[in-house]
Amino acid sequence: MSATAAMTYDALMAAEYRTGRRLKAVDVDRWMSVARPYLPSADGLVLDIGAGTGRFTAALAQACGAAVIACEPSAAMRSAWSVHHPQVTLVAGNAEALPFRDNAFDAVWASQVVHHVGDLPAFAANLRRVLRPSGHLLLRGGFGPADRLPLFGYFPDAWKPGAAVSLALPAIAEVLACHRVALVDRVPVTQVFASTAAELVGKVRTRSLSNLAALTDDLFEEGCSALERDATIGAITFPVVEHLDLVAFRSD
């Protein structure tokens, strides 16, 4: 099963990523609170796959006290790395060919990564190889109906059927189960995407969401124009809240 070709992040997009994907500290803390039961103790090791510029990497180390290895395939994203933490290490690598020994990790964190995976069975096989028995995979993302997402109404083609970002959780879970990684929990988590009209428009304009980057320029500008109009006339209620999920799996 193929999800999509890997997203290519150039230097400009990597620089915009921090602005477009920024989370408030209270929301990062909320994610860590939900993740903590599945993270190891201080003597464990956590892998942050597709870590980007390190949005969650230091938070993972702080949440459980364990060492964290961040793995990021994009050289541009690694160049924009923003984490300085004594328990964090950054390495190059992709999800389908993880450059780590067998049974290395107690937990794997994958934030909005699955839709970037070009070969889901290869990802599942590699994941099971590097996870210790009873280790956890934590998938962060939007696995509910796309029309519940705040940007869907402005950019519906970004979530059209067949798009990688629309890959359903049951399909993902089925592939993982074939590699002895079973779904054990799904926890809804809310976060604030934007508190003001200026923040909303500014974050969307970065085009740092990969499915927005994949749109034609015409479709993107059409959606942005409608968004800006509604934000200006007060048709959007703030804060704009996203309803996402943390999905936990366990290796056998």
Protein backbone atom coordinates (compact mmCIF):
# COMPACT_ATOMS: atom_id res chain seq x y z
CA MET A 1 0.00 0.00 0.00
CA SER A 2 1.38 3.37 -1.01
CA ALA A 3 0.39 6.58 0.72
CA THR A 4 2.14 9.30 -1.27
CA ALA A 5 5.46 10.40 -2.62
CA ALA A 6 7.65 11.94 0.04
CA MET A 7 7.11 15.65 0.56
CA THR A 8 10.07 17.76 -0.54
CA TYR A 9 10.85 20.62 1.83
CA ASP A 10 13.08 23.35 0.43
CA ALA A 11 14.81 25.96 2.59
CA LEU A 12 11.94 28.46 2.27
CA MET A 13 9.28 25.96 3.27
CA ALA A 14 11.40 24.70 6.14
CA ALA A 15 11.77 28.27 7.40
CA GLU A 16 8.01 28.86 7.12
CA TYR A 17 7.28 25.59 8.93
CA ARG A 18 7.96 27.04 12.36
CA THR A 19 5.41 29.81 11.83
CA GLY A 20 2.79 27.76 10.04
CA ARG A 21 2.91 24.82 12.43
CA ARG A 22 3.56 26.63 15.68
CA LEU A 23 1.62 25.36 18.70
CA LYS A 24 0.93 27.13 21.95
CA ALA A 25 2.77 25.72 24.98
CA VAL A 26 -0.52 24.71 26.61
CA ASP A 27 -1.39 22.60 23.57
CA VAL A 28 2.01 20.89 23.49
CA ASP A 29 1.52 20.11 27.18
CA ARG A 30 -1.92 18.65 26.40
CA TRP A 31 -0.41 16.31 23.81
CA MET A 32 2.30 15.22 26.21
CA SER A 33 -0.23 14.59 28.97
CA VAL A 34 -2.10 12.20 26.68
CA ALA A 35 1.11 10.58 25.43
CA ARG A 36 2.78 10.12 28.81
CA PRO A 37 1.14 6.76 29.73
CA TYR A 38 2.69 5.24 26.60
CA LEU A 39 6.16 6.75 27.00
CA PRO A 40 9.01 4.97 28.83
CA SER A 41 10.66 5.94 32.08
CA ALA A 42 13.87 7.93 32.25
CA ASP A 43 16.05 4.96 31.31
CA GLY A 44 14.15 4.40 28.04
CA LEU A 45 14.63 5.61 24.48
CA VAL A 46 12.09 7.39 22.27
CA LEU A 47 12.19 7.89 18.49
CA ASP A 48 10.60 11.00 16.97
CA ILE A 49 10.00 10.08 13.31
CA GLY A 50 9.66 12.93 10.83
CA ALA A 51 10.61 15.36 13.56
CA GLY A 52 10.69 18.39 11.27
CA THR A 53 12.24 21.33 13.10
CA GLY A 54 11.67 19.67 16.47
CA ARG A 55 8.19 20.80 17.50
CA PHE A 56 7.71 17.88 19.89
CA THR A 57 11.20 16.47 20.37
CA ALA A 58 12.25 18.32 23.51
CA ALA A 59 8.72 18.05 24.91
CA LEU A 60 8.93 14.26 24.64
CA ALA A 61 12.20 14.22 26.59
CA GLN A 62 10.76 16.52 29.23
CA ALA A 63 7.52 14.54 29.49
CA CYS A 64 9.17 11.27 30.53
CA GLY A 65 12.83 12.00 31.18
CA ALA A 66 13.96 9.55 28.47
CA ALA A 67 16.50 10.22 25.76
CA VAL A 68 14.96 11.07 22.36
CA ILE A 69 16.39 10.51 18.90
CA ALA A 70 14.80 12.72 16.22
CA CYS A 71 14.85 11.28 12.72
CA GLU A 72 14.15 13.65 9.82
CA PRO A 73 14.64 12.93 6.10
CA SER A 74 14.72 16.54 4.84
CA ALA A 75 18.09 18.28 4.86
CA ALA A 76 16.32 21.65 4.79
CA MET A 77 14.29 20.77 7.86
CA ARG A 78 17.37 19.54 9.68
CA SER A 79 19.12 22.82 8.82
CA ALA A 80 16.20 24.69 10.41
CA TRP A 81 16.43 22.53 13.55
CA SER A 82 15.42 24.52 16.59
CA VAL A 83 16.04 22.16 19.52
CA HIS A 84 18.92 22.38 21.99
CA HIS A 85 18.37 19.79 24.68
CA PRO A 86 20.96 17.49 26.31
CA GLN A 87 18.79 14.39 25.88
CA VAL A 88 18.01 14.97 22.19
CA THR A 89 19.95 13.75 19.15
CA LEU A 90 19.08 14.55 15.51
CA VAL A 91 19.85 12.11 12.68
CA ALA A 92 18.98 11.80 8.99
CA GLY A 93 16.69 8.99 7.88
CA ASN A 94 13.27 8.13 6.55
CA ALA A 95 10.40 6.09 7.93
CA GLU A 96 10.67 3.24 5.41
CA ALA A 97 14.37 2.58 6.10
CA LEU A 98 15.05 3.56 9.69
CA PRO A 99 18.82 3.67 10.36
CA PHE A 100 18.65 2.01 13.78
CA ARG A 101 19.37 -1.38 15.31
CA ASP A 102 16.65 -3.90 16.09
CA ASN A 103 14.65 -3.45 19.31
CA ALA A 104 16.20 -0.04 19.95
CA PHE A 105 13.19 1.99 21.10
CA ASP A 106 10.58 1.83 23.83
CA ALA A 107 8.29 4.26 22.01
CA VAL A 108 7.98 5.90 18.60
CA TRP A 109 6.28 9.26 18.12
CA ALA A 110 5.00 10.08 14.61
CA SER A 111 3.27 13.44 14.34
CA GLN A 112 1.38 13.93 11.07
CA VAL A 113 3.86 11.65 9.34
CA VAL A 114 1.89 8.68 7.98
CA HIS A 115 0.58 10.55 4.94
CA HIS A 116 4.19 11.24 3.90
CA VAL A 117 5.07 7.54 3.89
CA GLY A 118 5.40 6.22 0.35
CA ASP A 119 5.44 2.52 1.31
CA LEU A 120 3.25 1.80 4.33
CA PRO A 121 4.15 -1.92 4.64
CA ALA A 122 7.85 -1.01 4.61
CA PHE A 123 7.21 1.57 7.31
CA ALA A 124 5.29 -1.00 9.39
CA ALA A 125 8.04 -3.60 9.02
CA ASN A 126 10.77 -1.13 9.98
CA LEU A 127 8.75 0.16 12.86
CA ARG A 128 8.24 -3.33 14.29
CA ARG A 129 11.94 -4.05 13.82
CA VAL A 130 13.12 -1.04 15.86
CA LEU A 131 10.39 -1.24 18.53
CA ARG A 132 11.01 -3.38 21.58
CA PRO A 133 8.34 -5.93 22.56
CA SER A 134 5.43 -4.07 24.21
CA GLY A 135 6.80 -0.81 22.85
CA HIS A 136 4.36 1.84 21.66
CA LEU A 137 3.80 3.70 18.43
CA LEU A 138 2.00 7.02 18.89
CA LEU A 139 0.40 8.51 15.80
CA ARG A 140 -0.67 12.15 16.07
CA GLY A 141 -3.04 13.43 13.42
CA GLY A 142 -6.55 14.10 12.23
CA PHE A 143 -8.24 10.75 11.77
CA GLY A 144 -11.84 11.92 12.01
CA PRO A 145 -14.04 13.26 9.20
CA ALA A 146 -12.17 15.83 7.11
CA ASP A 147 -15.13 18.20 7.16
CA ARG A 148 -14.58 18.70 10.91
CA LEU A 149 -11.20 20.31 10.22
CA PRO A 150 -11.26 24.12 10.24
CA LEU A 151 -9.66 24.58 6.82
CA PHE A 152 -11.69 21.95 4.96
CA GLY A 153 -14.40 24.35 3.81
CA TYR A 154 -11.84 26.63 2.19
CA PHE A 155 -9.60 23.98 0.65
CA PRO A 156 -11.79 20.88 0.06
CA ASP A 157 -9.53 19.58 -2.72
CA ALA A 158 -6.73 19.23 -0.16
CA TRP A 159 -8.72 16.39 1.42
CA LYS A 160 -10.31 14.89 -1.68
CA PRO A 161 -10.88 11.10 -1.70
CA GLY A 162 -7.70 9.26 -2.51
CA ALA A 163 -5.43 11.99 -1.17
CA ALA A 164 -2.76 10.58 1.14
CA VAL A 165 -3.86 12.85 3.98
CA SER A 166 -7.27 11.17 3.78
CA LEU A 167 -5.85 7.68 4.39
CA ALA A 168 -8.28 6.15 6.88
CA LEU A 169 -7.13 4.91 10.26
CA PRO A 170 -8.59 1.38 9.74
CA ALA A 171 -6.39 0.98 6.64
CA ILE A 172 -3.32 2.13 8.56
CA ALA A 173 -4.16 -0.15 11.50
CA GLU A 174 -4.64 -3.14 9.19
CA VAL A 175 -1.14 -2.78 7.74
CA LEU A 176 0.42 -2.32 11.16
CA ALA A 177 -1.47 -5.35 12.51
CA CYS A 178 0.07 -7.47 9.75
CA HIS A 179 3.43 -6.61 11.29
CA ARG A 180 2.33 -7.36 14.86
CA VAL A 181 1.70 -3.79 15.93
CA ALA A 182 -1.84 -3.58 17.28
CA LEU A 183 -4.08 -0.58 17.95
CA VAL A 184 -4.76 -0.18 21.67
CA ASP A 185 -6.23 3.31 22.12
CA ARG A 186 -7.46 6.44 20.36
CA VAL A 187 -7.69 9.65 22.36
CA PRO A 188 -9.25 12.84 20.99
CA VAL A 189 -7.16 15.95 21.55
CA THR A 190 -8.09 19.56 20.82
CA GLN A 191 -5.62 22.31 20.06
CA VAL A 192 -5.87 25.95 19.06
CA PHE A 193 -4.90 26.53 15.45
CA ALA A 194 -5.28 30.32 15.64
CA SER A 195 -6.50 32.80 18.23
CA THR A 196 -6.95 35.81 15.93
CA ALA A 197 -7.77 36.56 12.31
CA ALA A 198 -4.22 37.76 11.68
CA GLU A 199 -2.73 34.57 13.13
CA LEU A 200 -5.09 32.39 11.09
CA VAL A 201 -4.36 34.08 7.79
CA GLY A 202 -0.65 34.26 8.53
CA LYS A 203 -0.34 30.56 9.35
CA VAL A 204 -2.34 29.45 6.31
CA ARG A 205 -0.36 31.76 4.03
CA THR A 206 2.87 29.95 4.97
CA ARG A 207 1.43 26.95 3.08
CA SER A 208 3.34 24.71 5.45
CA LEU A 209 0.61 22.07 5.56
CA SER A 210 1.70 19.53 2.97
CA ASN A 211 -1.78 19.05 1.54
CA LEU A 212 -2.09 22.80 0.97
CA ALA A 213 1.34 22.83 -0.66
CA ALA A 214 0.10 20.13 -3.04
CA LEU A 215 -2.79 22.27 -4.33
CA THR A 216 -2.50 24.26 -7.53
CA ASP A 217 -1.69 27.91 -6.96
CA ASP A 218 -5.14 28.89 -8.27
CA LEU A 219 -6.96 26.63 -5.80
CA PHE A 220 -4.77 27.78 -2.94
CA GLU A 221 -5.35 31.47 -3.72
CA GLU A 222 -9.08 30.90 -4.11
CA GLY A 223 -9.25 29.31 -0.67
CA CYS A 224 -7.06 31.99 0.91
CA SER A 225 -9.22 34.76 -0.53
CA ALA A 226 -12.38 33.22 0.93
CA LEU A 227 -10.65 32.65 4.27
CA GLU A 228 -9.38 36.24 4.43
CA ARG A 229 -12.82 37.59 3.54
CA ASP A 230 -14.56 35.57 6.26
CA ALA A 231 -11.90 36.45 8.82
CA THR A 232 -12.28 40.14 7.97
CA ILE A 233 -16.10 40.27 8.20
CA GLY A 234 -16.25 38.28 11.42
CA ALA A 235 -17.69 35.10 9.90
CA ILE A 236 -15.11 32.96 11.69
CA THR A 237 -15.34 32.33 15.42
CA PHE A 238 -12.09 32.57 17.34
CA PRO A 239 -10.19 30.79 18.64
CA VAL A 240 -10.14 28.33 15.75
CA VAL A 241 -9.90 24.87 17.33
CA GLU A 242 -8.69 21.66 15.71
CA HIS A 243 -10.02 18.24 16.74
CA LEU A 244 -7.25 15.69 16.30
CA ASP A 245 -6.32 12.29 17.76
CA LEU A 246 -3.48 10.52 19.45
CA VAL A 247 -3.64 6.87 18.36
CA ALA A 248 -1.61 4.37 20.37
CA PHE A 249 -0.37 1.00 19.05
CA ARG A 250 1.65 -1.68 20.86
CA SER A 251 4.09 -4.18 19.43
CA ASP A 252 3.75 -7.78 20.51
